[in-house]
Amino acid sequence: MASINKIEIKQELRTCIVKNEKALFHKWIHIKNLIGQEYEVGLVEYENGEVEEVTPENIIFCDNIFKECYFKEREEK
């Protein structure tokens, strides 16, 4: 009997602060404007339900996903 691997992709919200307001980060969006400039913005949702595209330097994430990651310690030489 063959086994079937199931891949599940979940989009999780991340808590963040934008312009001193609590917000939920939804995802990154790649933008290309009419004159060919390309950049990334974050899609965030505020407590009042308003949704806004925000530049990365204005987003401060509150969670610490690095705690969930494993980093092999560097060996001193």
Protein backbone atom coordinates (compact mmCIF):
# COMPACT_ATOMS: atom_id res chain seq x y z
CA MET A 1 0.00 0.00 0.00
CA ALA A 2 1.46 3.35 -1.01
CA SER A 3 1.51 6.13 1.51
CA ILE A 4 0.32 9.55 0.52
CA ASN A 5 2.04 12.57 2.03
CA LYS A 6 -0.25 15.43 2.84
CA ILE A 7 1.11 18.94 2.60
CA GLU A 8 -0.86 21.54 4.49
CA ILE A 9 -0.23 25.23 3.90
CA LYS A 10 -1.62 27.55 6.54
CA GLN A 11 -1.56 31.31 6.43
CA GLU A 12 -1.07 32.40 10.00
CA LEU A 13 -1.61 35.95 11.19
CA ARG A 14 1.22 37.66 13.09
CA THR A 15 0.69 40.34 15.71
CA CYS A 16 2.48 43.60 15.02
CA ILE A 17 2.60 47.31 15.77
CA VAL A 18 2.16 49.81 12.94
CA LYS A 19 2.25 53.56 13.63
CA ASN A 20 1.83 52.85 17.38
CA GLU A 21 -1.36 50.85 16.71
CA LYS A 22 -2.00 47.14 17.26
CA ALA A 23 -2.44 45.24 14.02
CA LEU A 24 -2.49 41.78 12.48
CA PHE A 25 -0.05 41.10 9.66
CA HIS A 26 -1.61 39.03 6.85
CA LYS A 27 1.01 38.75 4.10
CA TRP A 28 3.62 40.43 1.91
CA ILE A 29 2.51 41.86 -1.42
CA HIS A 30 4.83 42.52 -4.38
CA ILE A 31 3.99 45.81 -6.11
CA LYS A 32 5.09 47.03 -9.54
CA ASN A 33 4.00 50.58 -10.31
CA LEU A 34 3.38 52.21 -13.70
CA ILE A 35 6.97 53.45 -14.07
CA GLY A 36 8.42 49.99 -13.43
CA GLN A 37 9.52 50.35 -9.80
CA GLU A 38 9.09 47.17 -7.75
CA TYR A 39 8.78 46.91 -3.98
CA GLU A 40 7.15 44.94 -1.17
CA VAL A 41 4.44 46.05 1.24
CA GLY A 42 2.75 44.26 4.10
CA LEU A 43 -1.01 43.86 4.30
CA VAL A 44 -2.09 44.63 7.88
CA GLU A 45 -5.45 44.80 9.62
CA TYR A 46 -6.07 47.17 12.53
CA GLU A 47 -8.36 46.51 15.52
CA ASN A 48 -11.11 48.65 13.95
CA GLY A 49 -11.14 46.40 10.85
CA GLU A 50 -9.31 48.84 8.58
CA VAL A 51 -6.86 47.16 6.18
CA GLU A 52 -3.78 48.96 4.89
CA GLU A 53 -0.69 48.31 2.78
CA VAL A 54 2.35 49.25 4.88
CA THR A 55 6.04 49.51 4.00
CA PRO A 56 8.30 47.03 5.84
CA GLU A 57 10.12 49.68 7.90
CA ASN A 58 6.81 50.61 9.56
CA ILE A 59 6.03 47.08 10.81
CA ILE A 60 7.27 45.84 14.18
CA PHE A 61 6.37 42.19 14.80
CA CYS A 62 5.39 41.36 18.39
CA ASP A 63 5.77 37.58 18.24
CA ASN A 64 9.20 36.00 18.32
CA ILE A 65 9.21 33.17 15.79
CA PHE A 66 12.95 32.74 16.30
CA LYS A 67 12.18 31.03 19.63
CA GLU A 68 10.52 28.25 17.62
CA CYS A 69 13.50 27.80 15.28
CA TYR A 70 16.63 25.82 15.90
CA PHE A 71 19.97 27.42 15.07
CA LYS A 72 23.09 25.31 15.34
CA GLU A 73 25.60 27.10 17.57
CA ARG A 74 28.65 28.37 15.72
CA GLU A 75 31.85 26.73 16.76
CA GLU A 76 34.56 29.15 17.86
CA LYS A 77 37.80 28.63 15.91
